[in-house]
Structure formats: C-alpha cells, structure tokens
Amino acid sequence: MSDAFRENSDALIGHAWLRTHFGLRVPPPFTESYAVAGARRREVSGRRIIEFYPRSYATGDDPVANLRFALRYEPADLRILVGALAAMPPETIENWVRAEPTGAYARRAWFFYEHFLGRQLDLPDVTTGNYVFALDEKKHITGERRNSQRHRVADNLLGTPACCPTVRRTQRLLERMALHVDAEARTLVESYDPALLARAVTYLYTKETRSSFAIEGENPSPQRAERFIAALRRAAGFDTGSKAAIVDLQNAIVDPRYAARDWRDFQNFVGSTTVDFREDVHFICPRPQDVPALMEGWMDLARRLMAGGVDPVVAAAVTAFAFVFIHPFEDGNGRIHRFMIHHVLSRTGFSPGGVIFPVSAAIIRDQRGYDEVLESFSQPLLALTDWAWTAEREIVVHNDTAPFFRFFDATSVVEYLYDRVVDTVQIDLKEELGFLEVFDRAFESVRDIVDMPDRRASLLIRLMLQNGGRLSLAKRAQFTELTDEEIAAMEIAVQKAKAGVPED
C-alpha cells in the first residue's frame, strides 16, 4: 500500500483514525483499518496487518464511531485507546453511555475511561444486562476475570492501570501453545534415572548462568556465577511483590560497586560507543520520576499473571520483558529479566520441579532474533521521545514517556520466548540428558579396558565424543600412557555407547 494512501485520513478508521485525529505521539497500531471502495480484504506487511473494509464501514469524523469500530473489529491498542479517551471531553463518553446504557461497546469505553484515567464519569451504575469482557477473548490472550459491577464489565486485562501490556492471539502463538512442551519435558525427565537427572540439572544451571552473562558479553568470576546459580535454584520461591527482594537480587548478581539501594533516580539509556567516541543511543529508558509507579505496576502485573488462567510462557515473557523495558537499575537489568523467565516457569509448574530450562542458551543461538524483538519495542520510541544531551553528556527527556511503558503490545516478545522455550526443551534438555546417558555407558566401557583415574577417563571420553567417537591425532599426545591398541578399543567402545549398541 502506498504511503500516499496511508496518509489519506479520510480512509482511516478505528485505532489509526483516533491516533491521527488526536495527534497521539505513540507508535501506529499493529492493525490499521481503512474504509475503501471494493470488497473486504487484508494485507500483511511484516508484523503489521492492514485491513480494508467496504465504504459502508466508514466512520467519518466521529470519535465515538471510530472508538466503537476499534473496540468491535480491532485488537485493542491501549496506548491509542487510553490516549484518545484522555483527549475526549468526558461528556462524549457520558452521552454515548446514556444513549446506549446496555451497549457492550459503550460500557467497555466507559470502563476503560474510568479504569485507566482514574476519573469517574457522571453516570449511574449499570444494574441490568450481561457482563461483557474488557478485551475480546478471540483477539487477545487474557487474564483472570475480575468483575467491575459498576460497568458490568469483566476485567480480563493482563495487568493494572499502572502497567498493562497486551498480547494478540496470533496463529503462531496458538500453534506454540498447542505443542504442550511442558508435558514433553516432564515425560522426558521422568524417563531418566534420578541420579543422572541430578547431574544434568547441575550442569543446566551452570549452562544457563554462563549463557545469561554471555548474552551481555560478560565472563563472570566464579563467585558471581555461583551467586547467580544460587538465585536460580531459589527462583520458584522468589517474591516479585517485594521491592526489597528485587533489590537484594540485583545486589547478589552485580559487582558490589554497582549494587543498588533503590530504584534508579537518574536517566539511563542503552547504547554503544562509535569509533569517534560518540554514543549511539538505541533505547531511552523511562524517566526516573516514572520508575517507582511503573515498578509498582510491574509487581501487580506479575502477581496477576501468575494468579492463574494465563499460559505460563506468556506470563513469563510479559513479566520478564516488561521488567527490562522499565530498566529500574543501572546494572543487572538483563540478567534479572532472564531470571524472571525462570521464576515464572518454575512458580507456575511449567518447568518440572527442580529442573531449569536453559533458555539463555537458546537465545544465544538466535541472538539476532533476540536483538530484533528488543528493537521492535525500543526503535519506534526513539522518534517519539524528546531528549537531548546535557553539558555533562547525560541524557534528559522532556516529554511524558510513561504511557510507552505502561501500555505496549507484547505479542512479538511472547512469540519469541515461546520459540526459545520449545528449542530449549527439544534441544538443550534432550541433548544434555542424552549426552550423560552416552557418557556413562562409555565411561563404564573405557574403564573396563583400562582402569584409568576418573578425571583422565572423563577427559578422554569427552575428546572422543567431540570428534565423532575418535581421538584426534592432535589430542593423542595427551595420553602417552595408553597404547594404540587400547585407544582403538576405547574408540570402538565410545562409538558403541554413542550409537546405543549394548556391550557384548
């Protein structure tokens, strides 16, 4: 579709019209709708969907008609809906509700107005009629129902007014949810000997820790790594509703010199240094004065997501990415963000008891995809943020950016995390359990040939397994105490163990 057509406000309807009409400084909706000549049709442009409706759907220059269309036909974009409601005179919503006191769309608009803006309209409570859902459950992943008796609206939002991301119910996401990889993981885990499983779990915790630091290009000291492993082992019992617990977690995983005592009280950003020593800004975090309210909202969001009714991977993705977008600390935000994934998956019982899915290892295999989903959130906001450098080379933000972080479409980050969870169950978990099973068989066979010290036998077997079951010529010199005949026999034993061939 041409840019010229897109800019034709006469054709815009729904969210796109509301955004243009009220001059809202927010990213465009993921679904843009137009009333045009011709039949109903759809175009897909990357992650965005463009809907064409016959001219009979045209809404004209009428905020209520466009709001009704958005609520009826489009996935809700809360940045636009709340921004538009805030820009409307309260009488606009009051008159609509009085004209349609039992109307589903009027009541939803009324609920959104009072719920998100915190202003009560001059309207009596609704006393009759069925409840309607705040979010269309055919278009959204929704939360546990909480009835608003005043509006007779069932609040099924994922979060609260202070922090309320949304997730669209896409085909890709539904397909991932239908895989039930949690059941697959439990079946796999239960098929292995408990002693072998315990060894695998120890390694998986180490693997997740190394990978989480590696994502940020860090090589932690053994002490820092152990502190993070200890935190991961306690992830299921972590209290996301405790500010003190979150601060303590940050203190445990960062260099003590950068340990926080509270949420940050300064403006920070994510960027990189160019060859001429200038900062290339990639993401500007929320203003420091907005962080306390956003983190209170985040804690309520996390509690609500884990209260039940939300798919655990969806809950993990929304919780974790909402945290890293708020960026409440100077250091450690990324590792806490990935810690939160494990917290939610463990707390909800999605991951088998005591077992960790090394999601960070799967992220490293798709680091580009990880960067892309982060940039899909951050890049559109740069153009909408009024910021400047101070004389001290610090960033100052001049406009209100809190709505960017209170409301956002989390669909892309949910889809991304679901892909990585599927990968880590079907690749990392299977490979590690399978490797240990092969290793144990090979170890027993090799020790039957030569009664080697455990450390030497382990090294030999690992080198062989890394080279297709044979000891390379370059590594042969490390085992001068073994004869060529013994090495050859051991290679056969390792190859049989790898192939699952029983010993004679």
Protein backbone atom coordinates (compact mmCIF):
# COMPACT_ATOMS: atom_id res chain seq x y z
CA MET A 1 0.00 0.00 0.00
CA SER A 2 1.40 3.40 -0.94
CA ASP A 3 2.42 5.96 1.69
CA ALA A 4 0.15 8.47 -0.02
CA PHE A 5 -2.86 6.23 0.55
CA ARG A 6 -1.86 5.59 4.14
CA GLU A 7 -1.78 9.31 4.79
CA ASN A 8 -5.30 9.73 3.47
CA SER A 9 -7.09 10.37 6.75
CA ASP A 10 -10.47 10.19 5.01
CA ALA A 11 -9.92 6.44 4.58
CA LEU A 12 -8.64 5.77 8.09
CA ILE A 13 -10.98 4.18 10.61
CA GLY A 14 -10.64 2.79 14.13
CA HIS A 15 -7.37 3.00 16.04
CA ALA A 16 -5.47 4.56 13.14
CA TRP A 17 -8.05 7.35 12.85
CA LEU A 18 -8.02 8.01 16.61
CA ARG A 19 -4.22 8.23 16.60
CA THR A 20 -4.20 10.70 13.69
CA HIS A 21 -7.20 12.77 14.79
CA PHE A 22 -5.95 13.36 18.33
CA GLY A 23 -2.31 13.72 17.29
CA LEU A 24 -1.21 10.99 19.66
CA ARG A 25 2.55 10.58 19.90
CA VAL A 26 2.52 6.82 20.09
CA PRO A 27 3.57 4.13 17.57
CA PRO A 28 0.96 3.14 14.97
CA PRO A 29 -1.31 0.19 15.79
CA PHE A 30 -0.36 -3.29 14.63
CA THR A 31 -3.71 -3.41 12.83
CA GLU A 32 -4.54 -0.45 10.58
CA SER A 33 -8.01 -0.26 9.07
CA TYR A 34 -9.28 1.67 6.03
CA ALA A 35 -12.71 2.16 4.51
CA VAL A 36 -12.23 1.99 0.72
CA ALA A 37 -14.02 1.12 -2.47
CA GLY A 38 -14.16 -2.59 -3.14
CA ALA A 39 -14.56 -5.78 -1.18
CA ARG A 40 -13.27 -6.70 2.27
CA ARG A 41 -9.61 -7.79 2.14
CA ARG A 42 -6.41 -7.98 4.18
CA GLU A 43 -2.73 -7.30 3.56
CA VAL A 44 0.14 -8.40 5.79
CA SER A 45 3.23 -6.19 5.94
CA GLY A 46 5.82 -7.76 8.24
CA ARG A 47 4.22 -7.91 11.66
CA ARG A 48 1.55 -5.37 10.76
CA ILE A 49 -1.87 -6.17 9.36
CA ILE A 50 -3.72 -3.79 7.04
CA GLU A 51 -7.48 -4.30 6.88
CA PHE A 52 -9.64 -2.93 4.07
CA TYR A 53 -13.38 -2.55 4.64
CA PRO A 54 -16.12 -1.50 2.19
CA ARG A 55 -17.08 2.15 2.36
CA SER A 56 -20.23 1.20 4.27
CA TYR A 57 -17.92 0.82 7.33
CA ALA A 58 -16.73 4.44 7.08
CA THR A 59 -16.88 6.21 10.43
CA GLY A 60 -16.49 9.80 9.34
CA ASP A 61 -15.11 12.50 11.59
CA ASP A 62 -16.75 10.99 14.66
CA PRO A 63 -14.64 9.94 17.67
CA VAL A 64 -17.38 7.70 19.08
CA ALA A 65 -17.91 5.92 15.77
CA ASN A 66 -14.18 5.27 15.46
CA LEU A 67 -13.90 4.19 19.07
CA ARG A 68 -16.82 1.80 18.56
CA PHE A 69 -15.17 0.40 15.41
CA ALA A 70 -11.85 -0.09 17.22
CA LEU A 71 -13.49 -1.94 20.11
CA ARG A 72 -15.63 -4.08 17.81
CA TYR A 73 -13.28 -5.07 14.99
CA GLU A 74 -9.66 -4.49 16.02
CA PRO A 75 -7.27 -5.81 18.67
CA ALA A 76 -7.06 -3.25 21.46
CA ASP A 77 -4.07 -0.89 21.39
CA LEU A 78 -4.16 0.63 24.87
CA ARG A 79 -1.67 3.38 24.06
CA ILE A 80 -4.10 4.70 21.48
CA LEU A 81 -7.35 3.92 23.30
CA VAL A 82 -6.28 5.49 26.58
CA GLY A 83 -4.68 8.45 24.80
CA ALA A 84 -7.83 9.06 22.78
CA LEU A 85 -10.09 8.77 25.84
CA ALA A 86 -7.90 11.24 27.72
CA ALA A 87 -8.22 13.70 24.81
CA MET A 88 -12.03 13.45 24.66
CA PRO A 89 -14.31 15.64 26.75
CA PRO A 90 -15.92 13.44 29.43
CA GLU A 91 -19.33 14.41 28.06
CA THR A 92 -18.55 12.47 24.88
CA ILE A 93 -18.43 9.15 26.72
CA GLU A 94 -21.25 10.13 29.09
CA ASN A 95 -23.61 10.95 26.20
CA TRP A 96 -22.70 7.70 24.43
CA VAL A 97 -23.45 5.61 27.53
CA ARG A 98 -26.71 7.45 28.20
CA ALA A 99 -27.78 6.79 24.60
CA GLU A 100 -26.81 3.09 24.87
CA PRO A 101 -26.92 2.23 28.58
CA THR A 102 -26.67 -1.51 27.94
CA GLY A 103 -24.46 -1.29 24.85
CA ALA A 104 -21.38 -3.52 25.06
CA TYR A 105 -19.00 -1.10 23.33
CA ALA A 106 -20.22 1.96 25.23
CA ARG A 107 -19.76 0.15 28.55
CA ARG A 108 -16.28 -1.04 27.57
CA ALA A 109 -15.27 2.51 26.61
CA TRP A 110 -16.69 3.78 29.91
CA PHE A 111 -14.79 1.09 31.84
CA PHE A 112 -11.52 1.91 30.06
CA TYR A 113 -12.03 5.63 30.74
CA GLU A 114 -12.54 5.26 34.48
CA HIS A 115 -10.13 2.33 34.92
CA PHE A 116 -7.12 3.85 33.19
CA LEU A 117 -7.69 7.57 33.70
CA GLY A 118 -8.87 7.32 37.30
CA ARG A 119 -11.70 9.79 36.68
CA GLN A 120 -15.32 8.96 37.46
CA LEU A 121 -17.90 9.99 34.91
CA ASP A 122 -21.31 11.42 35.81
CA LEU A 123 -23.12 8.14 35.20
CA PRO A 124 -25.11 5.79 37.43
CA ASP A 125 -24.01 2.20 37.90
CA VAL A 126 -25.34 -0.37 35.45
CA THR A 127 -27.78 -2.68 37.25
CA THR A 128 -29.05 -4.95 34.46
CA GLY A 129 -27.68 -6.86 31.49
CA ASN A 130 -24.95 -9.39 30.90
CA TYR A 131 -21.30 -8.79 31.64
CA VAL A 132 -19.04 -8.11 28.67
CA PHE A 133 -15.29 -8.70 28.55
CA ALA A 134 -12.96 -5.70 28.57
CA LEU A 135 -10.77 -7.40 25.93
CA ASP A 136 -12.17 -9.50 23.11
CA GLU A 137 -11.04 -13.02 24.00
CA LYS A 138 -11.00 -14.02 20.34
CA LYS A 139 -8.37 -11.37 19.64
CA HIS A 140 -6.30 -11.38 22.86
CA ILE A 141 -4.63 -13.60 25.41
CA THR A 142 -6.48 -12.55 28.53
CA GLY A 143 -6.09 -12.68 32.30
CA GLU A 144 -8.18 -13.98 35.14
CA ARG A 145 -11.64 -12.40 35.22
CA ARG A 146 -12.42 -9.68 37.77
CA ASN A 147 -15.89 -8.19 37.56
CA SER A 148 -16.45 -4.44 37.56
CA GLN A 149 -20.01 -4.21 38.87
CA ARG A 150 -20.35 -0.52 38.09
CA HIS A 151 -19.92 -1.11 34.35
CA ARG A 152 -20.93 -4.79 34.22
CA VAL A 153 -17.62 -5.38 32.50
CA ALA A 154 -15.45 -8.43 33.17
CA ASP A 155 -11.92 -7.08 33.60
CA ASN A 156 -9.76 -9.70 31.84
CA LEU A 157 -6.77 -7.43 31.29
CA LEU A 158 -3.32 -8.88 31.89
CA GLY A 159 -2.25 -6.03 34.15
CA THR A 160 -3.46 -2.99 36.05
CA PRO A 161 -3.72 0.72 35.11
CA ALA A 162 -0.08 1.31 36.11
CA CYS A 163 1.32 -1.43 33.85
CA CYS A 164 -0.88 -3.27 31.36
CA PRO A 165 0.70 -4.88 28.28
CA THR A 166 -1.47 -6.74 25.78
CA VAL A 167 -0.87 -9.89 23.73
CA ARG A 168 -2.69 -10.57 20.49
CA ARG A 169 -3.98 -14.11 19.91
CA THR A 170 -1.96 -14.91 16.78
CA GLN A 171 -1.90 -18.18 14.86
CA ARG A 172 1.81 -18.55 15.52
CA LEU A 173 1.30 -18.24 19.26
CA LEU A 174 -1.64 -20.66 19.29
CA GLU A 175 0.48 -23.24 17.46
CA ARG A 176 3.24 -22.97 20.06
CA MET A 177 0.80 -23.27 22.95
CA ALA A 178 -0.70 -26.40 21.37
CA LEU A 179 2.70 -28.16 21.49
CA HIS A 180 2.44 -28.57 25.29
CA VAL A 181 6.22 -28.69 25.66
CA ASP A 182 5.83 -28.70 29.45
CA ALA A 183 4.27 -32.16 29.23
CA GLU A 184 7.00 -33.21 26.80
CA ALA A 185 9.66 -32.05 29.28
CA ARG A 186 8.05 -33.90 32.19
CA THR A 187 7.83 -37.11 30.18
CA LEU A 188 11.48 -36.78 29.19
CA VAL A 189 12.65 -36.05 32.74
CA GLU A 190 10.68 -38.95 34.21
CA SER A 191 12.29 -41.37 31.79
CA TYR A 192 15.77 -40.89 33.25
CA ASP A 193 17.43 -42.25 36.36
CA PRO A 194 17.19 -39.73 39.24
CA ALA A 195 20.97 -39.77 39.82
CA LEU A 196 21.67 -38.99 36.17
CA LEU A 197 18.96 -36.31 36.19
CA ALA A 198 20.53 -34.65 39.23
CA ARG A 199 23.87 -34.39 37.41
CA ALA A 200 22.16 -33.00 34.32
CA VAL A 201 20.30 -30.39 36.35
CA THR A 202 23.53 -29.19 37.97
CA TYR A 203 25.02 -28.66 34.53
CA LEU A 204 21.88 -26.96 33.21
CA TYR A 205 22.03 -24.37 35.99
CA THR A 206 25.66 -23.69 35.12
CA LYS A 207 24.86 -23.54 31.40
CA GLU A 208 22.02 -21.06 31.95
CA THR A 209 24.24 -18.85 34.12
CA ARG A 210 27.12 -18.76 31.63
CA SER A 211 24.73 -18.12 28.75
CA SER A 212 22.88 -15.32 30.55
CA PHE A 213 26.14 -13.48 31.20
CA ALA A 214 27.40 -14.26 27.68
CA ILE A 215 24.39 -12.53 26.12
CA GLU A 216 25.76 -9.31 27.58
CA GLY A 217 29.35 -10.15 26.62
CA GLU A 218 30.39 -10.81 30.22
CA ASN A 219 32.60 -13.52 31.70
CA PRO A 220 31.67 -13.59 35.40
CA SER A 221 34.02 -14.51 38.19
CA PRO A 222 33.35 -17.91 39.82
CA GLN A 223 31.88 -16.09 42.82
CA ARG A 224 29.40 -14.06 40.73
CA ALA A 225 28.44 -17.15 38.76
CA GLU A 226 27.78 -19.11 41.95
CA ARG A 227 25.61 -16.31 43.31
CA PHE A 228 23.52 -16.33 40.16
CA ILE A 229 23.21 -20.13 40.22
CA ALA A 230 22.09 -19.93 43.84
CA ALA A 231 19.46 -17.35 42.88
CA LEU A 232 18.21 -19.53 40.02
CA ARG A 233 17.85 -22.51 42.35
CA ARG A 234 15.55 -20.41 44.54
CA ALA A 235 13.64 -18.91 41.59
CA ALA A 236 10.35 -20.68 42.30
CA GLY A 237 10.08 -19.08 45.73
CA PHE A 238 11.16 -15.59 44.70
CA ASP A 239 8.77 -12.80 45.71
CA THR A 240 8.15 -10.46 42.76
CA GLY A 241 5.89 -8.42 45.00
CA SER A 242 8.75 -7.42 47.28
CA LYS A 243 10.85 -4.42 46.33
CA ALA A 244 13.44 -5.47 48.90
CA ALA A 245 13.72 -8.93 47.32
CA ILE A 246 14.25 -7.45 43.85
CA VAL A 247 16.92 -5.05 45.14
CA ASP A 248 18.62 -7.90 47.02
CA LEU A 249 18.63 -9.99 43.83
CA GLN A 250 20.30 -7.14 41.93
CA ASN A 251 22.90 -6.84 44.69
CA ALA A 252 23.65 -10.56 44.52
CA ILE A 253 24.37 -10.71 40.79
CA VAL A 254 26.29 -7.49 40.08
CA ASP A 255 29.70 -6.24 41.11
CA PRO A 256 29.29 -4.88 44.68
CA ARG A 257 30.40 -1.45 43.46
CA TYR A 258 27.20 -1.21 41.37
CA ALA A 259 24.80 -2.63 43.93
CA ALA A 260 21.59 -0.58 44.13
CA ARG A 261 19.77 0.54 47.26
CA ASP A 262 16.58 1.60 45.49
CA TRP A 263 15.13 2.04 42.02
CA ARG A 264 17.32 4.29 39.92
CA ASP A 265 16.93 8.05 40.36
CA PHE A 266 18.73 9.08 37.17
CA GLN A 267 18.04 8.89 33.45
CA ASN A 268 19.69 5.95 31.74
CA PHE A 269 19.81 4.60 28.22
CA VAL A 270 21.16 1.67 26.23
CA GLY A 271 23.70 2.46 23.53
CA SER A 272 27.12 1.82 22.10
CA THR A 273 30.24 3.91 21.57
CA THR A 274 31.14 4.76 17.97
CA VAL A 275 34.65 4.90 16.50
CA ASP A 276 34.80 8.65 17.13
CA PHE A 277 33.82 8.11 20.79
CA ARG A 278 30.25 9.33 20.44
CA GLU A 279 27.33 7.46 21.98
CA ASP A 280 24.94 5.76 19.57
CA VAL A 281 21.66 5.65 21.52
CA HIS A 282 19.50 2.57 20.95
CA PHE A 283 16.95 2.81 23.74
CA ILE A 284 15.97 5.55 26.18
CA CYS A 285 14.61 4.13 29.41
CA PRO A 286 11.68 5.59 31.35
CA ARG A 287 12.28 8.85 33.16
CA PRO A 288 13.47 8.34 36.75
CA GLN A 289 10.37 10.02 38.19
CA ASP A 290 8.21 7.44 36.40
CA VAL A 291 10.10 4.37 37.60
CA PRO A 292 8.51 3.96 41.10
CA ALA A 293 4.95 3.92 39.74
CA LEU A 294 5.93 1.68 36.82
CA MET A 295 7.61 -0.81 39.15
CA GLU A 296 4.60 -0.84 41.47
CA GLY A 297 2.51 -1.59 38.40
CA TRP A 298 5.00 -4.23 37.28
CA MET A 299 4.79 -6.02 40.64
CA ASP A 300 0.99 -6.04 40.41
CA LEU A 301 1.23 -7.26 36.81
CA ALA A 302 3.50 -10.14 37.83
CA ARG A 303 1.14 -11.19 40.63
CA ARG A 304 -1.86 -11.06 38.34
CA LEU A 305 -0.17 -13.05 35.58
CA MET A 306 0.74 -15.83 37.98
CA ALA A 307 -2.66 -15.91 39.70
CA GLY A 308 -3.89 -18.39 37.11
CA GLY A 309 -5.59 -18.50 33.75
CA VAL A 310 -2.65 -17.21 31.68
CA ASP A 311 -0.38 -19.55 29.75
CA PRO A 312 2.90 -19.76 31.77
CA VAL A 313 5.19 -18.91 28.85
CA VAL A 314 3.01 -15.90 28.02
CA ALA A 315 3.17 -14.87 31.68
CA ALA A 316 6.96 -15.35 31.74
CA ALA A 317 7.53 -13.30 28.59
CA VAL A 318 5.29 -10.40 29.64
CA THR A 319 6.76 -10.32 33.16
CA ALA A 320 10.38 -10.52 32.02
CA PHE A 321 10.27 -8.11 29.09
CA ALA A 322 8.15 -5.53 30.93
CA PHE A 323 10.86 -5.51 33.60
CA VAL A 324 13.75 -4.99 31.20
CA PHE A 325 11.87 -2.25 29.35
CA ILE A 326 11.43 -0.33 32.63
CA HIS A 327 15.15 -0.86 33.41
CA PRO A 328 14.88 0.02 37.11
CA PHE A 329 18.60 -0.37 37.88
CA GLU A 330 21.89 0.86 36.47
CA ASP A 331 23.27 -2.68 36.16
CA GLY A 332 21.87 -6.21 36.17
CA ASN A 333 18.57 -5.50 34.38
CA GLY A 334 19.17 -8.05 31.62
CA ARG A 335 20.12 -10.88 33.96
CA ILE A 336 17.16 -10.15 36.25
CA HIS A 337 14.93 -10.07 33.16
CA ARG A 338 16.09 -13.60 32.23
CA PHE A 339 15.88 -14.71 35.86
CA MET A 340 12.21 -13.69 35.81
CA ILE A 341 11.59 -16.12 32.95
CA HIS A 342 12.74 -18.98 35.18
CA HIS A 343 10.88 -17.61 38.18
CA VAL A 344 7.54 -17.65 36.36
CA LEU A 345 8.09 -21.02 34.62
CA SER A 346 9.09 -22.58 37.96
CA ARG A 347 6.42 -20.86 40.05
CA THR A 348 3.63 -21.91 37.68
CA GLY A 349 4.88 -25.52 37.46
CA PHE A 350 5.59 -25.28 33.74
CA SER A 351 9.16 -26.50 34.21
CA PRO A 352 9.48 -29.80 36.11
CA GLY A 353 10.32 -29.43 39.80
CA GLY A 354 13.99 -28.65 40.34
CA VAL A 355 14.72 -28.56 36.59
CA ILE A 356 15.71 -25.42 34.73
CA PHE A 357 15.28 -24.84 31.01
CA PRO A 358 18.49 -23.13 29.77
CA VAL A 359 16.56 -20.51 27.82
CA SER A 360 19.59 -18.22 27.58
CA ALA A 361 21.48 -20.89 25.64
CA ALA A 362 18.62 -20.95 23.12
CA ILE A 363 18.72 -17.13 22.99
CA ILE A 364 22.44 -17.19 22.19
CA ARG A 365 21.71 -19.47 19.22
CA ASP A 366 19.31 -16.78 18.00
CA GLN A 367 20.93 -13.63 19.36
CA ARG A 368 19.90 -11.70 16.27
CA GLY A 369 16.24 -12.57 16.84
CA TYR A 370 16.57 -11.52 20.49
CA ASP A 371 18.03 -8.17 19.48
CA GLU A 372 15.29 -7.71 16.88
CA VAL A 373 12.41 -8.20 19.33
CA LEU A 374 14.04 -5.78 21.77
CA GLU A 375 14.50 -3.25 18.96
CA SER A 376 10.91 -3.76 17.79
CA PHE A 377 9.94 -2.17 21.10
CA SER A 378 12.70 0.40 21.50
CA GLN A 379 13.25 1.78 17.99
CA PRO A 380 9.76 3.22 17.38
CA LEU A 381 10.01 5.08 20.69
CA LEU A 382 13.22 6.93 19.86
CA ALA A 383 11.47 9.13 17.30
CA LEU A 384 8.69 9.84 19.81
CA THR A 385 10.97 10.82 22.69
CA ASP A 386 12.11 14.42 23.10
CA TRP A 387 15.60 14.01 24.51
CA ALA A 388 18.86 15.87 24.49
CA TRP A 389 22.41 15.70 25.81
CA THR A 390 23.32 17.90 28.74
CA ALA A 391 26.69 19.63 29.06
CA GLU A 392 27.78 16.71 31.25
CA ARG A 393 26.94 14.27 28.41
CA GLU A 394 23.92 12.91 30.22
CA ILE A 395 20.51 12.43 28.63
CA VAL A 396 17.47 14.43 29.66
CA VAL A 397 13.93 13.58 28.48
CA HIS A 398 11.46 16.45 28.05
CA ASN A 399 8.16 14.72 27.23
CA ASP A 400 5.93 12.28 29.11
CA THR A 401 7.04 8.80 28.03
CA ALA A 402 5.36 6.79 30.81
CA PRO A 403 2.50 5.58 28.53
CA PHE A 404 5.09 3.91 26.29
CA PHE A 405 5.92 1.57 29.16
CA ARG A 406 2.53 1.35 30.88
CA PHE A 407 0.90 0.02 27.72
CA PHE A 408 2.60 -1.92 24.95
CA ASP A 409 1.89 -4.78 22.61
CA ALA A 410 3.95 -7.73 23.90
CA THR A 411 2.99 -10.18 21.15
CA SER A 412 6.38 -10.26 19.45
CA VAL A 413 8.32 -10.90 22.67
CA VAL A 414 5.86 -13.64 23.69
CA GLU A 415 6.20 -15.37 20.33
CA TYR A 416 9.98 -15.10 20.54
CA LEU A 417 10.20 -16.57 24.03
CA TYR A 418 7.84 -19.40 23.16
CA ASP A 419 10.12 -20.37 20.27
CA ARG A 420 13.12 -20.37 22.60
CA VAL A 421 11.36 -22.44 25.26
CA VAL A 422 10.40 -25.02 22.63
CA ASP A 423 14.02 -25.04 21.44
CA THR A 424 15.47 -25.48 24.90
CA VAL A 425 13.17 -28.41 25.72
CA GLN A 426 13.60 -30.17 22.40
CA ILE A 427 17.35 -29.43 22.01
CA ASP A 428 19.18 -28.47 25.22
CA LEU A 429 17.27 -30.67 27.67
CA LYS A 430 17.26 -33.69 25.37
CA GLU A 431 20.90 -33.24 24.40
CA GLU A 432 22.17 -32.92 27.96
CA LEU A 433 20.23 -35.91 29.27
CA GLY A 434 21.19 -37.92 26.22
CA PHE A 435 24.85 -36.90 26.49
CA LEU A 436 25.11 -38.02 30.11
CA GLU A 437 23.49 -41.35 29.29
CA VAL A 438 26.01 -41.93 26.48
CA PHE A 439 28.86 -40.68 28.66
CA ASP A 440 28.03 -43.08 31.47
CA ARG A 441 27.90 -46.05 29.10
CA ALA A 442 31.20 -45.00 27.50
CA PHE A 443 32.82 -44.40 30.88
CA GLU A 444 32.00 -47.87 32.12
CA SER A 445 33.28 -49.47 28.91
CA VAL A 446 36.52 -47.48 28.85
CA ARG A 447 37.25 -48.33 32.49
CA ASP A 448 36.76 -51.99 31.63
CA ILE A 449 39.59 -51.68 29.10
CA VAL A 450 41.99 -49.71 31.31
CA ASP A 451 41.39 -48.85 34.96
CA MET A 452 42.10 -45.14 34.42
CA PRO A 453 41.66 -42.38 37.01
CA ASP A 454 38.18 -40.85 36.71
CA ARG A 455 39.49 -37.46 35.63
CA ARG A 456 41.62 -38.95 32.83
CA ALA A 457 38.86 -41.25 31.62
CA SER A 458 36.36 -38.36 31.57
CA LEU A 459 38.70 -36.15 29.56
CA LEU A 460 39.41 -38.93 27.05
CA ILE A 461 35.72 -39.69 26.51
CA ARG A 462 34.78 -36.02 26.08
CA LEU A 463 37.53 -35.55 23.50
CA MET A 464 36.34 -38.62 21.61
CA LEU A 465 32.67 -37.59 21.71
CA GLN A 466 33.61 -34.14 20.42
CA ASN A 467 35.35 -35.81 17.45
CA GLY A 468 32.73 -38.31 16.36
CA GLY A 469 33.93 -41.10 18.65
CA ARG A 470 37.64 -40.95 17.78
CA LEU A 471 40.65 -39.38 19.47
CA SER A 472 42.20 -36.86 17.11
CA LEU A 473 45.90 -37.03 16.33
CA ALA A 474 46.33 -33.61 17.88
CA LYS A 475 44.99 -34.89 21.22
CA ARG A 476 46.71 -38.30 21.11
CA ALA A 477 49.86 -36.91 22.74
CA GLN A 478 47.87 -36.14 25.92
CA PHE A 479 47.53 -39.89 26.58
CA THR A 480 51.03 -41.28 26.12
CA GLU A 481 50.38 -43.85 28.84
CA LEU A 482 47.90 -45.67 26.57
CA THR A 483 48.86 -47.98 23.73
CA ASP A 484 47.44 -47.62 20.22
CA GLU A 485 45.58 -50.90 20.71
CA GLU A 486 43.97 -49.60 23.91
CA ILE A 487 43.00 -46.32 22.23
CA ALA A 488 41.47 -48.24 19.31
CA ALA A 489 39.45 -50.43 21.67
CA MET A 490 38.26 -47.39 23.57
CA GLU A 491 37.18 -45.66 20.36
CA ILE A 492 35.05 -48.67 19.47
CA ALA A 493 33.54 -48.67 22.97
CA VAL A 494 32.73 -44.95 22.78
CA GLN A 495 31.21 -45.34 19.29
CA LYS A 496 29.01 -48.21 20.52
CA ALA A 497 27.88 -46.16 23.51
CA LYS A 498 27.08 -43.25 21.20
CA ALA A 499 25.06 -45.50 18.91
CA GLY A 500 23.27 -47.17 21.81
CA VAL A 501 24.77 -50.56 20.95
CA PRO A 502 24.89 -52.81 24.08
CA GLU A 503 28.23 -54.29 25.12
CA ASP A 504 28.84 -57.97 24.32
